[in-house]
Amino acid sequence: MNRSKLTYVIEDDSITATLTRILLEKNLHGSRVQTYANGQQAIDQLTVALSTGTDDVPDLILLDLNMPLMDGWEFLEAFSRLPLPTPVCVLVLTSSINPEDRAKAARYQNVAGYFAKPLQASGVLQIMRLRCAAGGPELRELGTPEVSLHHLVYQSHATAPLDELELARLLTQSRAFNAAHGLTGILLYSHGNIIQLLEGTKANVREVFARIARDPRHTQVVKLADGPVTHRLFGQWSMGFQVVNPLDFNHLTGYVNPDQAHYLAHDPALPDPDLHTLLATFVSDNSRLMEANG
């Protein structure tokens, strides 16, 4: 059974909520839009929908941050504890330009993007792509069938080492860009060494690789694989790197801990077993090499 497409707009300003609803209904064809004046109203409705088994569980939520009764942060905390049967894409839609708010929002697993109010028509296409990327294959099947999938794997070395803050910022920025361009895959970083698998349309994958090859922050760029694939191996784009305290990064959307066993999640069946081994052991092998040379 296909999942019903439903969008929640959680916004206390009635004019903004109405304009956002009209814009979404005009562009998100076949998707119902419900508005809520604060986080508590939305949580209450979600709780009822989950307990009764109705199809009123949204696949997309546009969330304001500053609201009475229950603000956006409180909603995200309550939302994270709900027994959701399927992924829900949460996009922050706010007037806040505080970079700390953007960084804080990125720590929540369900938050896939951050938009400034008022929502523009040009942002709706990006919202559609983020919804599909956050929902994984199940939501992709509701849209236009994917054709001409391509994957590319490369290895490179960073000209300057990246600290934890820079890696977190790279993760947040790259997830937003890749979701907007229909790209999935994984990037692994260890002691300045990088390996990334990208999958999407041939044009988008090749364009990103060409940009990376020209980027002065990358050296020794070597292409390891480049060719068509029949299906995606990853439901989203993620990034793995070692940190001092992995618990601080657990809520950072798209972060995977390479010190955990089977951190490649669904154990992707890469056509080339050597590439699979390289991805699975990349971080640990680099760490052992650094320790040996140290």
C-alpha atoms as a PDB file:
ATOM      1  CA  MET A   1       0.000   0.000   0.000  1.00  0.00           C
ATOM      2  CA  ASN A   2       1.396   3.425  -0.980  1.00  0.00           C
ATOM      3  CA  ARG A   3       2.049   5.810   1.858  1.00  0.00           C
ATOM      4  CA  SER A   4      -0.256   8.833   1.916  1.00  0.00           C
ATOM      5  CA  LYS A   5       1.556  12.109   1.250  1.00  0.00           C
ATOM      6  CA  LEU A   6       0.807  14.584   4.024  1.00  0.00           C
ATOM      7  CA  THR A   7       2.594  17.775   5.057  1.00  0.00           C
ATOM      8  CA  TYR A   8       2.417  19.505   8.438  1.00  0.00           C
ATOM      9  CA  VAL A   9       3.100  23.250   8.555  1.00  0.00           C
ATOM     10  CA  ILE A  10       3.801  24.186  12.196  1.00  0.00           C
ATOM     11  CA  GLU A  11       3.730  27.978  12.336  1.00  0.00           C
ATOM     12  CA  ASP A  12       2.177  30.396  14.842  1.00  0.00           C
ATOM     13  CA  ASP A  13       1.767  33.313  12.417  1.00  0.00           C
ATOM     14  CA  SER A  14      -1.509  32.678  10.591  1.00  0.00           C
ATOM     15  CA  ILE A  15      -0.606  34.716   7.498  1.00  0.00           C
ATOM     16  CA  THR A  16       2.741  32.933   7.081  1.00  0.00           C
ATOM     17  CA  ALA A  17       1.070  29.562   7.662  1.00  0.00           C
ATOM     18  CA  THR A  18      -1.607  30.283   5.046  1.00  0.00           C
ATOM     19  CA  LEU A  19       0.866  31.515   2.425  1.00  0.00           C
ATOM     20  CA  THR A  20       3.088  28.479   3.015  1.00  0.00           C
ATOM     21  CA  ARG A  21       0.103  26.121   2.753  1.00  0.00           C
ATOM     22  CA  ILE A  22      -1.052  27.688  -0.537  1.00  0.00           C
ATOM     23  CA  LEU A  23       2.453  27.517  -2.008  1.00  0.00           C
ATOM     24  CA  LEU A  24       2.856  23.868  -1.032  1.00  0.00           C
ATOM     25  CA  GLU A  25      -0.584  22.823  -2.259  1.00  0.00           C
ATOM     26  CA  LYS A  26       0.141  24.483  -5.596  1.00  0.00           C
ATOM     27  CA  ASN A  27       3.465  22.699  -6.075  1.00  0.00           C
ATOM     28  CA  LEU A  28       3.338  19.439  -4.086  1.00  0.00           C
ATOM     29  CA  HIS A  29       0.741  17.745  -6.252  1.00  0.00           C
ATOM     30  CA  GLY A  30      -1.249  15.050  -4.481  1.00  0.00           C
ATOM     31  CA  SER A  31      -0.017  16.067  -1.033  1.00  0.00           C
ATOM     32  CA  ARG A  32      -2.408  17.230   1.680  1.00  0.00           C
ATOM     33  CA  VAL A  33      -1.287  20.142   3.860  1.00  0.00           C
ATOM     34  CA  GLN A  34      -2.364  20.651   7.486  1.00  0.00           C
ATOM     35  CA  THR A  35      -1.411  23.689   9.576  1.00  0.00           C
ATOM     36  CA  TYR A  36      -0.787  23.859  13.346  1.00  0.00           C
ATOM     37  CA  ALA A  37      -0.248  26.997  15.420  1.00  0.00           C
ATOM     38  CA  ASN A  38       2.346  25.433  17.733  1.00  0.00           C
ATOM     39  CA  GLY A  39       4.301  22.264  18.363  1.00  0.00           C
ATOM     40  CA  GLN A  40       1.894  20.969  21.001  1.00  0.00           C
ATOM     41  CA  GLN A  41      -1.031  20.885  18.571  1.00  0.00           C
ATOM     42  CA  ALA A  42       1.059  18.946  16.060  1.00  0.00           C
ATOM     43  CA  ILE A  43       2.354  16.478  18.665  1.00  0.00           C
ATOM     44  CA  ASP A  44      -1.177  15.882  19.929  1.00  0.00           C
ATOM     45  CA  GLN A  45      -2.432  15.149  16.405  1.00  0.00           C
ATOM     46  CA  LEU A  46       0.531  12.889  15.670  1.00  0.00           C
ATOM     47  CA  THR A  47      -0.045  10.959  18.871  1.00  0.00           C
ATOM     48  CA  VAL A  48      -3.696  10.368  17.940  1.00  0.00           C
ATOM     49  CA  ALA A  49      -2.764   9.322  14.399  1.00  0.00           C
ATOM     50  CA  LEU A  50      -0.156   6.845  15.658  1.00  0.00           C
ATOM     51  CA  SER A  51      -2.448   5.357  18.297  1.00  0.00           C
ATOM     52  CA  THR A  52      -5.391   4.888  15.915  1.00  0.00           C
ATOM     53  CA  GLY A  53      -3.345   3.672  12.952  1.00  0.00           C
ATOM     54  CA  THR A  54      -4.748   6.281  10.551  1.00  0.00           C
ATOM     55  CA  ASP A  55      -2.892   7.557   7.494  1.00  0.00           C
ATOM     56  CA  ASP A  56      -2.558  11.066   8.999  1.00  0.00           C
ATOM     57  CA  VAL A  57       1.133  10.615   9.795  1.00  0.00           C
ATOM     58  CA  PRO A  58       3.048  13.149   7.673  1.00  0.00           C
ATOM     59  CA  ASP A  59       6.024  12.399   5.478  1.00  0.00           C
ATOM     60  CA  LEU A  60       7.044  16.102   5.555  1.00  0.00           C
ATOM     61  CA  ILE A  61       7.011  18.705   8.353  1.00  0.00           C
ATOM     62  CA  LEU A  62       7.861  22.393   7.963  1.00  0.00           C
ATOM     63  CA  LEU A  63       8.707  23.654  11.434  1.00  0.00           C
ATOM     64  CA  ASP A  64       9.025  27.166  12.834  1.00  0.00           C
ATOM     65  CA  LEU A  65      11.346  27.562  15.829  1.00  0.00           C
ATOM     66  CA  ASN A  66       9.895  30.450  17.830  1.00  0.00           C
ATOM     67  CA  MET A  67       6.328  29.620  18.889  1.00  0.00           C
ATOM     68  CA  PRO A  68       4.238  29.826  22.069  1.00  0.00           C
ATOM     69  CA  LEU A  69       3.249  26.868  24.248  1.00  0.00           C
ATOM     70  CA  MET A  70       5.683  24.445  22.546  1.00  0.00           C
ATOM     71  CA  ASP A  71       8.440  25.902  20.380  1.00  0.00           C
ATOM     72  CA  GLY A  72      10.321  24.162  17.602  1.00  0.00           C
ATOM     73  CA  TRP A  73      13.093  22.818  19.831  1.00  0.00           C
ATOM     74  CA  GLU A  74      10.607  21.325  22.284  1.00  0.00           C
ATOM     75  CA  PHE A  75       8.691  19.823  19.379  1.00  0.00           C
ATOM     76  CA  LEU A  76      11.847  18.159  18.038  1.00  0.00           C
ATOM     77  CA  GLU A  77      12.564  16.625  21.442  1.00  0.00           C
ATOM     78  CA  ALA A  78       9.002  15.264  21.760  1.00  0.00           C
ATOM     79  CA  PHE A  79       8.973  14.190  18.112  1.00  0.00           C
ATOM     80  CA  SER A  80      12.208  12.190  18.535  1.00  0.00           C
ATOM     81  CA  ARG A  81      10.468  10.015  21.133  1.00  0.00           C
ATOM     82  CA  LEU A  82       7.479   9.081  18.949  1.00  0.00           C
ATOM     83  CA  PRO A  83       7.292   5.499  17.587  1.00  0.00           C
ATOM     84  CA  LEU A  84       7.228   6.528  13.919  1.00  0.00           C
ATOM     85  CA  PRO A  85       6.646   3.621  11.517  1.00  0.00           C
ATOM     86  CA  THR A  86       8.445   5.315   8.608  1.00  0.00           C
ATOM     87  CA  PRO A  87      10.931   8.203   8.183  1.00  0.00           C
ATOM     88  CA  VAL A  88       9.567  11.755   8.342  1.00  0.00           C
ATOM     89  CA  CYS A  89      11.449  14.642   6.730  1.00  0.00           C
ATOM     90  CA  VAL A  90      11.543  17.692   9.019  1.00  0.00           C
ATOM     91  CA  LEU A  91      12.572  21.028   7.491  1.00  0.00           C
ATOM     92  CA  VAL A  92      13.101  24.056   9.700  1.00  0.00           C
ATOM     93  CA  LEU A  93      11.383  27.160   8.262  1.00  0.00           C
ATOM     94  CA  THR A  94      12.304  30.142  10.407  1.00  0.00           C
ATOM     95  CA  SER A  95      13.181  33.819  10.446  1.00  0.00           C
ATOM     96  CA  SER A  96      16.224  33.080  12.620  1.00  0.00           C
ATOM     97  CA  ILE A  97      19.559  33.771  10.933  1.00  0.00           C
ATOM     98  CA  ASN A  98      21.545  32.689  13.994  1.00  0.00           C
ATOM     99  CA  PRO A  99      24.212  30.175  12.847  1.00  0.00           C
ATOM    100  CA  GLU A 100      23.966  28.465  16.233  1.00  0.00           C
ATOM    101  CA  ASP A 101      20.304  27.663  15.512  1.00  0.00           C
ATOM    102  CA  ARG A 102      21.289  26.151  12.168  1.00  0.00           C
ATOM    103  CA  ALA A 103      23.991  24.026  13.792  1.00  0.00           C
ATOM    104  CA  LYS A 104      21.653  22.956  16.607  1.00  0.00           C
ATOM    105  CA  ALA A 105      18.939  21.933  14.137  1.00  0.00           C
ATOM    106  CA  ALA A 106      21.422  19.786  12.208  1.00  0.00           C
ATOM    107  CA  ARG A 107      21.995  17.630  15.296  1.00  0.00           C
ATOM    108  CA  TYR A 108      18.488  16.208  15.103  1.00  0.00           C
ATOM    109  CA  GLN A 109      18.267  12.989  13.107  1.00  0.00           C
ATOM    110  CA  ASN A 110      15.015  13.898  11.327  1.00  0.00           C
ATOM    111  CA  VAL A 111      15.998  17.454  10.352  1.00  0.00           C
ATOM    112  CA  ALA A 112      17.020  17.402   6.696  1.00  0.00           C
ATOM    113  CA  GLY A 113      17.183  21.115   5.891  1.00  0.00           C
ATOM    114  CA  TYR A 114      16.985  24.718   7.102  1.00  0.00           C
ATOM    115  CA  PHE A 115      15.047  27.423   5.228  1.00  0.00           C
ATOM    116  CA  ALA A 116      14.508  31.136   5.827  1.00  0.00           C
ATOM    117  CA  LYS A 117      11.016  32.594   5.972  1.00  0.00           C
ATOM    118  CA  PRO A 118       9.087  33.395   3.907  1.00  0.00           C
ATOM    119  CA  LEU A 119       9.189  30.253   1.785  1.00  0.00           C
ATOM    120  CA  GLN A 120       9.799  31.034  -1.879  1.00  0.00           C
ATOM    121  CA  ALA A 121       8.542  29.102  -4.896  1.00  0.00           C
ATOM    122  CA  SER A 122      12.174  28.430  -5.852  1.00  0.00           C
ATOM    123  CA  GLY A 123      12.639  26.533  -2.582  1.00  0.00           C
ATOM    124  CA  VAL A 124       9.796  24.083  -3.149  1.00  0.00           C
ATOM    125  CA  LEU A 125      11.788  21.941  -5.626  1.00  0.00           C
ATOM    126  CA  GLN A 126      14.571  21.615  -3.073  1.00  0.00           C
ATOM    127  CA  ILE A 127      11.986  20.670  -0.443  1.00  0.00           C
ATOM    128  CA  MET A 128      10.663  17.913  -2.722  1.00  0.00           C
ATOM    129  CA  ARG A 129      14.163  16.507  -3.178  1.00  0.00           C
ATOM    130  CA  LEU A 130      14.944  16.669   0.522  1.00  0.00           C
ATOM    131  CA  ARG A 131      11.686  14.875   1.321  1.00  0.00           C
ATOM    132  CA  CYS A 132      12.548  12.078  -1.100  1.00  0.00           C
ATOM    133  CA  ALA A 133      16.118  11.760   0.181  1.00  0.00           C
ATOM    134  CA  ALA A 134      15.073  11.707   3.829  1.00  0.00           C
ATOM    135  CA  GLY A 135      12.341   9.167   3.211  1.00  0.00           C
ATOM    136  CA  GLY A 136      14.613   6.741   1.372  1.00  0.00           C
ATOM    137  CA  PRO A 137      13.525   4.318  -1.360  1.00  0.00           C
ATOM    138  CA  GLU A 138       9.909   4.094  -0.145  1.00  0.00           C
ATOM    139  CA  LEU A 139       9.247   7.756  -0.885  1.00  0.00           C
ATOM    140  CA  ARG A 140      11.275   7.741  -4.080  1.00  0.00           C
ATOM    141  CA  GLU A 141       8.922   5.124  -5.484  1.00  0.00           C
ATOM    142  CA  LEU A 142       6.057   7.606  -5.103  1.00  0.00           C
ATOM    143  CA  GLY A 143       7.719  10.050  -7.479  1.00  0.00           C
ATOM    144  CA  THR A 144       9.116   9.835 -10.970  1.00  0.00           C
ATOM    145  CA  PRO A 145      10.993   6.543 -11.569  1.00  0.00           C
ATOM    146  CA  GLU A 146      14.748   6.929 -11.525  1.00  0.00           C
ATOM    147  CA  VAL A 147      16.573   6.298 -14.765  1.00  0.00           C
ATOM    148  CA  SER A 148      20.227   6.128 -15.791  1.00  0.00           C
ATOM    149  CA  LEU A 149      21.645   5.736 -12.310  1.00  0.00           C
ATOM    150  CA  HIS A 150      25.394   6.114 -12.067  1.00  0.00           C
ATOM    151  CA  HIS A 151      27.957   5.709  -9.325  1.00  0.00           C
ATOM    152  CA  LEU A 152      31.477   7.013  -8.865  1.00  0.00           C
ATOM    153  CA  VAL A 153      34.078   6.270  -6.189  1.00  0.00           C
ATOM    154  CA  TYR A 154      37.196   8.362  -5.656  1.00  0.00           C
ATOM    155  CA  GLN A 155      39.981   8.720  -3.118  1.00  0.00           C
ATOM    156  CA  SER A 156      41.813  11.941  -2.267  1.00  0.00           C
ATOM    157  CA  HIS A 157      43.871  13.667   0.402  1.00  0.00           C
ATOM    158  CA  ALA A 158      42.953  16.923   2.157  1.00  0.00           C
ATOM    159  CA  THR A 159      45.576  19.648   1.848  1.00  0.00           C
ATOM    160  CA  ALA A 160      44.845  20.617   5.467  1.00  0.00           C
ATOM    161  CA  PRO A 161      43.474  18.375   8.240  1.00  0.00           C
ATOM    162  CA  LEU A 162      39.864  18.940   9.313  1.00  0.00           C
ATOM    163  CA  ASP A 163      38.867  19.204  12.976  1.00  0.00           C
ATOM    164  CA  GLU A 164      35.554  17.965  14.395  1.00  0.00           C
ATOM    165  CA  LEU A 165      33.768  21.316  13.938  1.00  0.00           C
ATOM    166  CA  GLU A 166      34.879  21.562  10.304  1.00  0.00           C
ATOM    167  CA  LEU A 167      33.794  17.964   9.659  1.00  0.00           C
ATOM    168  CA  ALA A 168      30.367  18.608  11.197  1.00  0.00           C
ATOM    169  CA  ARG A 169      29.962  21.740   9.063  1.00  0.00           C
ATOM    170  CA  LEU A 170      31.012  19.813   5.943  1.00  0.00           C
ATOM    171  CA  LEU A 171      28.492  17.092   6.748  1.00  0.00           C
ATOM    172  CA  THR A 172      25.613  19.550   7.147  1.00  0.00           C
ATOM    173  CA  GLN A 173      26.441  21.520   3.989  1.00  0.00           C
ATOM    174  CA  SER A 174      27.076  18.454   1.845  1.00  0.00           C
ATOM    175  CA  ARG A 175      23.874  16.708   2.931  1.00  0.00           C
ATOM    176  CA  ALA A 176      21.793  19.718   1.920  1.00  0.00           C
ATOM    177  CA  PHE A 177      23.551  20.028  -1.460  1.00  0.00           C
ATOM    178  CA  ASN A 178      23.452  16.316  -2.257  1.00  0.00           C
ATOM    179  CA  ALA A 179      19.798  15.941  -1.259  1.00  0.00           C
ATOM    180  CA  ALA A 180      18.886  18.893  -3.464  1.00  0.00           C
ATOM    181  CA  HIS A 181      20.658  17.232  -6.413  1.00  0.00           C
ATOM    182  CA  GLY A 182      19.388  13.703  -5.871  1.00  0.00           C
ATOM    183  CA  LEU A 183      22.753  12.323  -4.749  1.00  0.00           C
ATOM    184  CA  THR A 184      23.207   9.537  -2.203  1.00  0.00           C
ATOM    185  CA  GLY A 185      26.250   7.620  -0.982  1.00  0.00           C
ATOM    186  CA  ILE A 186      28.878   7.970   1.727  1.00  0.00           C
ATOM    187  CA  LEU A 187      32.060   9.938   2.445  1.00  0.00           C
ATOM    188  CA  LEU A 188      34.681   8.601   4.856  1.00  0.00           C
ATOM    189  CA  TYR A 189      37.418  10.775   6.359  1.00  0.00           C
ATOM    190  CA  SER A 190      40.459   9.634   8.331  1.00  0.00           C
ATOM    191  CA  HIS A 191      43.626  11.607   9.105  1.00  0.00           C
ATOM    192  CA  GLY A 192      43.320  13.730   5.966  1.00  0.00           C
ATOM    193  CA  ASN A 193      42.473  10.817   3.694  1.00  0.00           C
ATOM    194  CA  ILE A 194      39.085  10.802   1.962  1.00  0.00           C
ATOM    195  CA  ILE A 195      37.099   8.224   0.063  1.00  0.00           C
ATOM    196  CA  GLN A 196      33.631   8.950  -1.276  1.00  0.00           C
ATOM    197  CA  LEU A 197      30.993   6.943  -3.127  1.00  0.00           C
ATOM    198  CA  LEU A 198      28.422   9.037  -4.993  1.00  0.00           C
ATOM    199  CA  GLU A 199      25.316   7.755  -6.767  1.00  0.00           C
ATOM    200  CA  GLY A 200      22.701   9.606  -8.800  1.00  0.00           C
ATOM    201  CA  THR A 201      22.308  10.705 -12.389  1.00  0.00           C
ATOM    202  CA  LYS A 202      25.451  10.527 -14.492  1.00  0.00           C
ATOM    203  CA  ALA A 203      25.418  14.290 -15.070  1.00  0.00           C
ATOM    204  CA  ASN A 204      25.141  15.167 -11.365  1.00  0.00           C
ATOM    205  CA  VAL A 205      27.733  12.612 -10.240  1.00  0.00           C
ATOM    206  CA  ARG A 206      30.237  13.708 -12.893  1.00  0.00           C
ATOM    207  CA  GLU A 207      29.634  17.402 -12.137  1.00  0.00           C
ATOM    208  CA  VAL A 208      30.368  16.934  -8.423  1.00  0.00           C
ATOM    209  CA  PHE A 209      33.498  14.898  -9.152  1.00  0.00           C
ATOM    210  CA  ALA A 210      34.775  17.519 -11.606  1.00  0.00           C
ATOM    211  CA  ARG A 211      34.274  20.199  -8.937  1.00  0.00           C
ATOM    212  CA  ILE A 212      36.161  18.099  -6.379  1.00  0.00           C
ATOM    213  CA  ALA A 213      39.024  17.487  -8.814  1.00  0.00           C
ATOM    214  CA  ARG A 214      39.389  21.272  -9.260  1.00  0.00           C
ATOM    215  CA  ASP A 215      39.071  22.039  -5.550  1.00  0.00           C
ATOM    216  CA  PRO A 216      42.462  23.129  -4.107  1.00  0.00           C
ATOM    217  CA  ARG A 217      41.476  21.530  -0.783  1.00  0.00           C
ATOM    218  CA  HIS A 218      41.856  18.110  -2.453  1.00  0.00           C
ATOM    219  CA  THR A 219      45.101  16.591  -3.705  1.00  0.00           C
ATOM    220  CA  GLN A 220      45.988  13.166  -5.102  1.00  0.00           C
ATOM    221  CA  VAL A 221      42.462  12.677  -6.467  1.00  0.00           C
ATOM    222  CA  VAL A 222      42.172   9.154  -7.884  1.00  0.00           C
ATOM    223  CA  LYS A 223      39.012   7.734  -9.448  1.00  0.00           C
ATOM    224  CA  LEU A 224      38.413   4.145  -8.277  1.00  0.00           C
ATOM    225  CA  ALA A 225      35.107   3.346  -9.991  1.00  0.00           C
ATOM    226  CA  ASP A 226      32.863   5.076 -12.491  1.00  0.00           C
ATOM    227  CA  GLY A 227      29.905   3.454 -14.229  1.00  0.00           C
ATOM    228  CA  PRO A 228      26.177   2.729 -14.432  1.00  0.00           C
ATOM    229  CA  VAL A 229      24.288   0.908 -11.661  1.00  0.00           C
ATOM    230  CA  THR A 230      20.834  -0.625 -11.605  1.00  0.00           C
ATOM    231  CA  HIS A 231      19.805   0.662  -8.172  1.00  0.00           C
ATOM    232  CA  ARG A 232      20.977   2.792  -5.273  1.00  0.00           C
ATOM    233  CA  LEU A 233      22.975   1.139  -2.515  1.00  0.00           C
ATOM    234  CA  PHE A 234      22.391   3.966  -0.017  1.00  0.00           C
ATOM    235  CA  GLY A 235      19.083   5.510   1.037  1.00  0.00           C
ATOM    236  CA  GLN A 236      20.706   8.878   1.759  1.00  0.00           C
ATOM    237  CA  TRP A 237      24.106  10.588   1.797  1.00  0.00           C
ATOM    238  CA  SER A 238      26.084  10.123   5.000  1.00  0.00           C
ATOM    239  CA  MET A 239      29.556  10.722   6.349  1.00  0.00           C
ATOM    240  CA  GLY A 240      31.826   8.762   8.664  1.00  0.00           C
ATOM    241  CA  PHE A 241      34.775  10.008  10.718  1.00  0.00           C
ATOM    242  CA  GLN A 242      36.272   9.325  14.131  1.00  0.00           C
ATOM    243  CA  VAL A 243      35.614  11.767  16.965  1.00  0.00           C
ATOM    244  CA  VAL A 244      36.722  11.969  20.586  1.00  0.00           C
ATOM    245  CA  ASN A 245      33.179  11.513  21.912  1.00  0.00           C
ATOM    246  CA  PRO A 246      30.859   9.820  19.366  1.00  0.00           C
ATOM    247  CA  LEU A 247      27.820  10.417  21.615  1.00  0.00           C
ATOM    248  CA  ASP A 248      28.060  14.144  20.813  1.00  0.00           C
ATOM    249  CA  PHE A 249      27.466  13.327  17.141  1.00  0.00           C
ATOM    250  CA  ASN A 250      24.687  10.752  17.471  1.00  0.00           C
ATOM    251  CA  HIS A 251      21.994  13.317  16.701  1.00  0.00           C
ATOM    252  CA  LEU A 252      23.865  14.817  13.738  1.00  0.00           C
ATOM    253  CA  THR A 253      21.843  13.777  10.706  1.00  0.00           C
ATOM    254  CA  GLY A 254      23.862  11.612   8.338  1.00  0.00           C
ATOM    255  CA  TYR A 255      26.727  10.845  10.721  1.00  0.00           C
ATOM    256  CA  VAL A 256      27.938   7.265  10.980  1.00  0.00           C
ATOM    257  CA  ASN A 257      30.453   6.087  13.567  1.00  0.00           C
ATOM    258  CA  PRO A 258      33.193   4.097  11.774  1.00  0.00           C
ATOM    259  CA  ASP A 259      34.265   2.498  15.051  1.00  0.00           C
ATOM    260  CA  GLN A 260      30.996   0.586  15.215  1.00  0.00           C
ATOM    261  CA  ALA A 261      30.795  -2.844  13.631  1.00  0.00           C
ATOM    262  CA  HIS A 262      28.993  -2.905  10.275  1.00  0.00           C
ATOM    263  CA  TYR A 263      28.870   0.899  10.147  1.00  0.00           C
ATOM    264  CA  LEU A 264      27.974   0.707   6.462  1.00  0.00           C
ATOM    265  CA  ALA A 265      24.397   0.129   7.657  1.00  0.00           C
ATOM    266  CA  HIS A 266      22.753  -2.091   5.084  1.00  0.00           C
ATOM    267  CA  ASP A 267      26.058  -3.696   4.063  1.00  0.00           C
ATOM    268  CA  PRO A 268      25.880  -2.511   0.446  1.00  0.00           C
ATOM    269  CA  ALA A 269      26.580  -5.209  -2.116  1.00  0.00           C
ATOM    270  CA  LEU A 270      29.048  -3.332  -4.275  1.00  0.00           C
ATOM    271  CA  PRO A 271      29.721  -4.952  -7.660  1.00  0.00           C
ATOM    272  CA  ASP A 272      33.455  -4.897  -6.863  1.00  0.00           C
ATOM    273  CA  PRO A 273      34.211  -6.774  -3.596  1.00  0.00           C
ATOM    274  CA  ASP A 274      37.535  -4.952  -3.298  1.00  0.00           C
ATOM    275  CA  LEU A 275      35.715  -1.613  -3.178  1.00  0.00           C
ATOM    276  CA  HIS A 276      33.402  -2.986  -0.516  1.00  0.00           C
ATOM    277  CA  THR A 277      36.385  -4.033   1.604  1.00  0.00           C
ATOM    278  CA  LEU A 278      38.045  -0.651   1.060  1.00  0.00           C
ATOM    279  CA  LEU A 279      34.955   1.209   2.310  1.00  0.00           C
ATOM    280  CA  ALA A 280      34.419  -1.134   5.238  1.00  0.00           C
ATOM    281  CA  THR A 281      37.999  -0.870   6.532  1.00  0.00           C
ATOM    282  CA  PHE A 282      39.059   2.589   5.292  1.00  0.00           C
ATOM    283  CA  VAL A 283      38.971   4.447   8.615  1.00  0.00           C
ATOM    284  CA  SER A 284      40.399   1.669  10.778  1.00  0.00           C
ATOM    285  CA  ASP A 285      43.219   0.925   8.321  1.00  0.00           C
ATOM    286  CA  ASN A 286      44.202   4.616   8.160  1.00  0.00           C
ATOM    287  CA  SER A 287      44.165   4.902  11.935  1.00  0.00           C
ATOM    288  CA  ARG A 288      46.428   1.869  12.354  1.00  0.00           C
ATOM    289  CA  LEU A 289      48.788   3.239   9.728  1.00  0.00           C
ATOM    290  CA  MET A 290      49.003   6.612  11.499  1.00  0.00           C
ATOM    291  CA  GLU A 291      49.679   4.902  14.839  1.00  0.00           C
ATOM    292  CA  ALA A 292      52.407   2.767  13.278  1.00  0.00           C
ATOM    293  CA  ASN A 293      54.071   5.818  11.696  1.00  0.00           C
ATOM    294  CA  GLY A 294      53.666   7.858  14.874  1.00  0.00           C
END
